[in-house]
Amino acid sequence: MLKGCKLDLTLISALMKRWRPETHTFHFPYNECTITLKDVALQLGLPMDGRVIMRLMIIPDREDFCVTLLGKVSNKFQGDRIDIKWLENNFDELNEHAIALEKEQYA
């Protein structure tokens, strides 16, 4: 991703001194600066739309995304969102004998 990009340690050090973690902004004498997802995408050449990339997996659509992360597929999509009632109904209580994968899906 960072092919041919040299890191400027002086600049990084200066930015670290101006970073305010409580507001997720850089505080400069003239104003504040927030780094957005779009800024990161432009710097690293990453797409912000299209297929979702998780770890080493490419998840092509929302149904596959649900199966990968939740282990179930919602039939209650609202655009690209999942109905909160569906989540409550399907992930209300975790079995005390749940395996690690189920715990991750409930989280």
N, C-alpha and C. Protein backbone atom coordinates (compact mmCIF):
# COMPACT_ATOMS: atom_id res chain seq x y z
N MET A 1 0.81 -1.20 0.00
CA MET A 1 0.00 0.00 0.00
C MET A 1 0.85 1.26 0.00
N LEU A 2 1.94 1.25 0.71
CA LEU A 2 2.77 2.44 0.82
C LEU A 2 4.01 2.36 -0.05
N LYS A 3 3.89 1.73 -1.22
CA LYS A 3 5.03 1.59 -2.10
C LYS A 3 5.60 2.95 -2.46
N GLY A 4 6.90 3.10 -2.30
CA GLY A 4 7.56 4.33 -2.71
C GLY A 4 7.29 5.51 -1.80
N CYS A 5 6.67 5.29 -0.67
CA CYS A 5 6.34 6.39 0.24
C CYS A 5 7.34 6.41 1.38
N LYS A 6 8.03 7.54 1.54
CA LYS A 6 8.98 7.68 2.64
C LYS A 6 8.27 8.31 3.83
N LEU A 7 8.54 7.79 5.01
CA LEU A 7 7.96 8.35 6.21
C LEU A 7 8.83 9.49 6.70
N ASP A 8 8.23 10.62 6.96
CA ASP A 8 8.92 11.79 7.48
C ASP A 8 8.78 11.77 9.00
N LEU A 9 9.81 11.29 9.69
CA LEU A 9 9.74 11.13 11.14
C LEU A 9 9.58 12.45 11.87
N THR A 10 10.14 13.53 11.34
CA THR A 10 9.99 14.84 11.97
C THR A 10 8.53 15.29 11.89
N LEU A 11 7.92 15.10 10.74
CA LEU A 11 6.51 15.46 10.57
C LEU A 11 5.63 14.60 11.47
N ILE A 12 5.89 13.30 11.52
CA ILE A 12 5.10 12.41 12.37
C ILE A 12 5.21 12.83 13.83
N SER A 13 6.42 13.16 14.27
CA SER A 13 6.63 13.60 15.65
C SER A 13 5.87 14.89 15.93
N ALA A 14 5.90 15.82 15.00
CA ALA A 14 5.18 17.09 15.18
C ALA A 14 3.68 16.87 15.25
N LEU A 15 3.16 15.98 14.39
CA LEU A 15 1.73 15.69 14.41
C LEU A 15 1.32 15.00 15.70
N MET A 16 2.17 14.12 16.21
CA MET A 16 1.86 13.42 17.46
C MET A 16 1.70 14.40 18.61
N LYS A 17 2.50 15.47 18.62
CA LYS A 17 2.40 16.47 19.68
C LYS A 17 1.10 17.25 19.61
N ARG A 18 0.54 17.35 18.42
CA ARG A 18 -0.70 18.12 18.23
C ARG A 18 -1.96 17.27 18.28
N TRP A 19 -1.82 15.95 18.39
CA TRP A 19 -2.98 15.04 18.40
C TRP A 19 -3.68 15.09 19.74
N ARG A 20 -5.00 15.19 19.72
CA ARG A 20 -5.82 15.16 20.93
C ARG A 20 -6.75 13.96 20.85
N PRO A 21 -6.41 12.87 21.55
CA PRO A 21 -7.20 11.64 21.44
C PRO A 21 -8.64 11.78 21.93
N GLU A 22 -8.88 12.70 22.86
CA GLU A 22 -10.24 12.85 23.38
C GLU A 22 -11.21 13.38 22.32
N THR A 23 -10.71 14.12 21.34
CA THR A 23 -11.57 14.65 20.27
C THR A 23 -11.22 14.08 18.90
N HIS A 24 -10.19 13.24 18.83
CA HIS A 24 -9.73 12.64 17.58
C HIS A 24 -9.41 13.71 16.53
N THR A 25 -8.72 14.76 16.97
CA THR A 25 -8.35 15.83 16.06
C THR A 25 -6.91 16.27 16.31
N PHE A 26 -6.34 16.95 15.31
CA PHE A 26 -5.07 17.62 15.46
C PHE A 26 -5.38 19.07 15.79
N HIS A 27 -4.71 19.65 16.79
CA HIS A 27 -4.91 21.05 17.17
C HIS A 27 -3.73 21.87 16.67
N PHE A 28 -4.01 22.71 15.69
CA PHE A 28 -3.00 23.58 15.12
C PHE A 28 -3.26 25.01 15.58
N PRO A 29 -2.27 25.90 15.48
CA PRO A 29 -2.47 27.28 15.94
C PRO A 29 -3.63 27.98 15.23
N TYR A 30 -3.92 27.60 13.99
CA TYR A 30 -4.94 28.30 13.22
C TYR A 30 -6.30 27.62 13.24
N ASN A 31 -6.36 26.33 13.60
CA ASN A 31 -7.63 25.61 13.58
C ASN A 31 -7.42 24.17 14.01
N GLU A 32 -8.49 23.40 13.97
CA GLU A 32 -8.42 21.97 14.24
C GLU A 32 -8.50 21.21 12.91
N CYS A 33 -7.98 20.01 12.90
CA CYS A 33 -8.02 19.18 11.69
C CYS A 33 -8.40 17.76 12.08
N THR A 34 -9.43 17.24 11.45
CA THR A 34 -9.87 15.88 11.68
C THR A 34 -9.51 15.03 10.47
N ILE A 35 -8.95 13.86 10.70
CA ILE A 35 -8.64 12.93 9.61
C ILE A 35 -9.85 12.05 9.39
N THR A 36 -10.36 12.04 8.18
CA THR A 36 -11.55 11.26 7.86
C THR A 36 -11.17 9.97 7.13
N LEU A 37 -12.15 9.09 7.01
CA LEU A 37 -11.95 7.87 6.25
C LEU A 37 -11.55 8.19 4.81
N LYS A 38 -12.14 9.25 4.26
CA LYS A 38 -11.82 9.65 2.89
C LYS A 38 -10.35 10.06 2.78
N ASP A 39 -9.83 10.77 3.78
CA ASP A 39 -8.42 11.17 3.79
C ASP A 39 -7.51 9.94 3.76
N VAL A 40 -7.82 8.97 4.61
CA VAL A 40 -7.02 7.74 4.67
C VAL A 40 -7.11 6.98 3.35
N ALA A 41 -8.30 6.91 2.80
CA ALA A 41 -8.49 6.21 1.53
C ALA A 41 -7.67 6.86 0.42
N LEU A 42 -7.65 8.18 0.37
CA LEU A 42 -6.87 8.88 -0.65
C LEU A 42 -5.38 8.64 -0.47
N GLN A 43 -4.91 8.68 0.77
CA GLN A 43 -3.48 8.48 1.04
C GLN A 43 -3.02 7.07 0.72
N LEU A 44 -3.84 6.09 1.06
CA LEU A 44 -3.43 4.70 0.88
C LEU A 44 -3.95 4.08 -0.41
N GLY A 45 -4.79 4.81 -1.14
CA GLY A 45 -5.34 4.27 -2.38
C GLY A 45 -6.33 3.16 -2.15
N LEU A 46 -7.08 3.22 -1.04
CA LEU A 46 -8.06 2.19 -0.72
C LEU A 46 -9.45 2.64 -1.17
N PRO A 47 -10.24 1.73 -1.72
CA PRO A 47 -11.61 2.10 -2.07
C PRO A 47 -12.48 2.23 -0.82
N MET A 48 -13.44 3.15 -0.84
CA MET A 48 -14.35 3.31 0.29
C MET A 48 -15.71 2.69 0.00
N ASP A 49 -15.92 2.20 -1.19
CA ASP A 49 -17.18 1.54 -1.50
C ASP A 49 -16.87 0.28 -2.28
N GLY A 50 -17.88 -0.49 -2.56
CA GLY A 50 -17.64 -1.76 -3.24
C GLY A 50 -17.58 -2.90 -2.24
N ARG A 51 -16.85 -3.92 -2.57
CA ARG A 51 -16.80 -5.10 -1.72
C ARG A 51 -16.05 -4.81 -0.42
N VAL A 52 -16.52 -5.45 0.64
CA VAL A 52 -15.90 -5.28 1.96
C VAL A 52 -14.74 -6.26 2.09
N ILE A 53 -13.62 -5.78 2.59
CA ILE A 53 -12.47 -6.65 2.80
C ILE A 53 -12.29 -6.83 4.31
N MET A 54 -12.36 -8.07 4.75
CA MET A 54 -12.20 -8.39 6.17
C MET A 54 -11.04 -9.36 6.31
N ARG A 55 -10.06 -8.99 7.10
CA ARG A 55 -8.87 -9.82 7.29
C ARG A 55 -8.38 -10.25 5.91
N LEU A 56 -8.37 -11.55 5.64
CA LEU A 56 -7.94 -12.03 4.33
C LEU A 56 -9.11 -12.46 3.48
N MET A 57 -10.33 -12.03 3.83
CA MET A 57 -11.53 -12.44 3.11
C MET A 57 -12.09 -11.26 2.32
N ILE A 58 -12.69 -11.57 1.18
CA ILE A 58 -13.45 -10.57 0.44
C ILE A 58 -14.90 -11.00 0.52
N ILE A 59 -15.75 -10.10 0.99
CA ILE A 59 -17.16 -10.41 1.19
C ILE A 59 -17.95 -9.63 0.15
N PRO A 60 -18.52 -10.31 -0.84
CA PRO A 60 -19.11 -9.62 -1.99
C PRO A 60 -20.44 -8.92 -1.75
N ASP A 61 -21.26 -9.38 -0.83
CA ASP A 61 -22.56 -8.73 -0.65
C ASP A 61 -23.01 -8.81 0.80
N ARG A 62 -24.11 -8.14 1.10
CA ARG A 62 -24.54 -8.02 2.50
C ARG A 62 -24.97 -9.34 3.11
N GLU A 63 -25.53 -10.24 2.31
CA GLU A 63 -25.92 -11.55 2.85
C GLU A 63 -24.69 -12.33 3.29
N ASP A 64 -23.65 -12.34 2.45
CA ASP A 64 -22.41 -13.01 2.81
C ASP A 64 -21.76 -12.33 4.02
N PHE A 65 -21.87 -11.02 4.08
CA PHE A 65 -21.33 -10.26 5.20
C PHE A 65 -22.00 -10.71 6.51
N CYS A 66 -23.32 -10.85 6.48
CA CYS A 66 -24.07 -11.29 7.66
C CYS A 66 -23.65 -12.70 8.08
N VAL A 67 -23.57 -13.59 7.13
CA VAL A 67 -23.19 -14.97 7.44
C VAL A 67 -21.78 -15.00 8.04
N THR A 68 -20.86 -14.24 7.46
CA THR A 68 -19.48 -14.22 7.93
C THR A 68 -19.37 -13.67 9.35
N LEU A 69 -20.05 -12.56 9.62
CA LEU A 69 -19.90 -11.91 10.92
C LEU A 69 -20.90 -12.38 11.97
N LEU A 70 -22.12 -12.72 11.53
CA LEU A 70 -23.17 -13.06 12.49
C LEU A 70 -23.54 -14.54 12.51
N GLY A 71 -23.21 -15.25 11.44
CA GLY A 71 -23.58 -16.66 11.36
C GLY A 71 -25.01 -16.87 10.90
N LYS A 72 -25.73 -15.78 10.64
CA LYS A 72 -27.13 -15.82 10.21
C LYS A 72 -27.34 -14.73 9.16
N VAL A 73 -28.39 -14.88 8.38
CA VAL A 73 -28.73 -13.86 7.39
C VAL A 73 -30.05 -13.21 7.77
N SER A 74 -30.04 -11.90 7.83
CA SER A 74 -31.27 -11.17 8.14
C SER A 74 -32.18 -11.11 6.92
N ASN A 75 -33.47 -11.22 7.18
CA ASN A 75 -34.43 -10.98 6.11
C ASN A 75 -35.07 -9.61 6.31
N LYS A 76 -34.47 -8.84 7.17
CA LYS A 76 -35.01 -7.52 7.53
C LYS A 76 -34.02 -6.41 7.23
N PHE A 77 -33.54 -6.33 6.00
CA PHE A 77 -32.65 -5.25 5.61
C PHE A 77 -33.47 -3.99 5.34
N GLN A 78 -32.92 -2.86 5.75
CA GLN A 78 -33.51 -1.56 5.41
C GLN A 78 -32.42 -0.81 4.64
N GLY A 79 -32.43 -0.96 3.34
CA GLY A 79 -31.31 -0.46 2.54
C GLY A 79 -30.13 -1.37 2.82
N ASP A 80 -29.05 -0.80 3.34
CA ASP A 80 -27.88 -1.59 3.72
C ASP A 80 -27.81 -1.80 5.23
N ARG A 81 -28.88 -1.50 5.92
CA ARG A 81 -28.91 -1.65 7.38
C ARG A 81 -29.76 -2.85 7.77
N ILE A 82 -29.44 -3.39 8.94
CA ILE A 82 -30.21 -4.51 9.48
C ILE A 82 -31.17 -3.97 10.52
N ASP A 83 -32.40 -4.44 10.49
CA ASP A 83 -33.41 -4.05 11.45
C ASP A 83 -32.94 -4.40 12.87
N ILE A 84 -32.96 -3.43 13.77
CA ILE A 84 -32.46 -3.63 15.13
C ILE A 84 -33.27 -4.68 15.87
N LYS A 85 -34.56 -4.78 15.59
CA LYS A 85 -35.40 -5.81 16.22
C LYS A 85 -34.92 -7.20 15.84
N TRP A 86 -34.49 -7.37 14.58
CA TRP A 86 -33.98 -8.67 14.14
C TRP A 86 -32.74 -9.03 14.96
N LEU A 87 -31.86 -8.05 15.16
CA LEU A 87 -30.66 -8.30 15.97
C LEU A 87 -31.05 -8.67 17.40
N GLU A 88 -31.98 -7.93 17.98
CA GLU A 88 -32.42 -8.23 19.35
C GLU A 88 -33.03 -9.62 19.44
N ASN A 89 -33.86 -9.98 18.47
CA ASN A 89 -34.52 -11.29 18.49
C ASN A 89 -33.53 -12.44 18.29
N ASN A 90 -32.50 -12.23 17.49
CA ASN A 90 -31.57 -13.31 17.17
C ASN A 90 -30.34 -13.37 18.06
N PHE A 91 -30.06 -12.28 18.76
CA PHE A 91 -28.85 -12.24 19.58
C PHE A 91 -29.16 -11.70 20.98
N ASP A 92 -30.31 -12.09 21.50
CA ASP A 92 -30.74 -11.60 22.80
C ASP A 92 -29.93 -12.20 23.94
N GLU A 93 -29.84 -13.52 23.99
CA GLU A 93 -29.12 -14.19 25.08
C GLU A 93 -28.13 -15.19 24.52
N LEU A 94 -26.94 -15.15 25.05
CA LEU A 94 -25.88 -16.07 24.63
C LEU A 94 -25.91 -17.31 25.52
N ASN A 95 -25.88 -18.46 24.89
CA ASN A 95 -25.83 -19.73 25.62
C ASN A 95 -24.55 -19.77 26.44
N GLU A 96 -24.64 -20.20 27.69
CA GLU A 96 -23.45 -20.22 28.54
C GLU A 96 -22.39 -21.19 28.06
N HIS A 97 -22.74 -22.12 27.19
CA HIS A 97 -21.79 -23.08 26.65
C HIS A 97 -21.35 -22.72 25.22
N ALA A 98 -21.55 -21.47 24.85
CA ALA A 98 -21.23 -21.04 23.49
C ALA A 98 -19.73 -21.16 23.23
N ILE A 99 -19.42 -21.51 21.99
CA ILE A 99 -18.01 -21.59 21.57
C ILE A 99 -17.53 -20.17 21.24
N ALA A 100 -16.22 -20.02 21.05
CA ALA A 100 -15.61 -18.71 20.81
C ALA A 100 -16.22 -17.99 19.60
N LEU A 101 -16.47 -18.74 18.52
CA LEU A 101 -17.04 -18.13 17.32
C LEU A 101 -18.42 -17.53 17.62
N GLU A 102 -19.24 -18.24 18.36
CA GLU A 102 -20.58 -17.72 18.71
C GLU A 102 -20.46 -16.47 19.57
N LYS A 103 -19.51 -16.46 20.49
CA LYS A 103 -19.30 -15.27 21.33
C LYS A 103 -18.91 -14.08 20.47
N GLU A 104 -18.06 -14.31 19.48
CA GLU A 104 -17.66 -13.23 18.58
C GLU A 104 -18.85 -12.74 17.78
N GLN A 105 -19.69 -13.67 17.31
CA GLN A 105 -20.87 -13.27 16.53
C GLN A 105 -21.85 -12.46 17.39
N TYR A 106 -22.02 -12.83 18.63
CA TYR A 106 -22.91 -12.08 19.52
C TYR A 106 -22.34 -10.71 19.85
N ALA A 107 -21.03 -10.64 19.97
CA ALA A 107 -20.40 -9.34 20.27
C ALA A 107 -20.60 -8.39 19.10
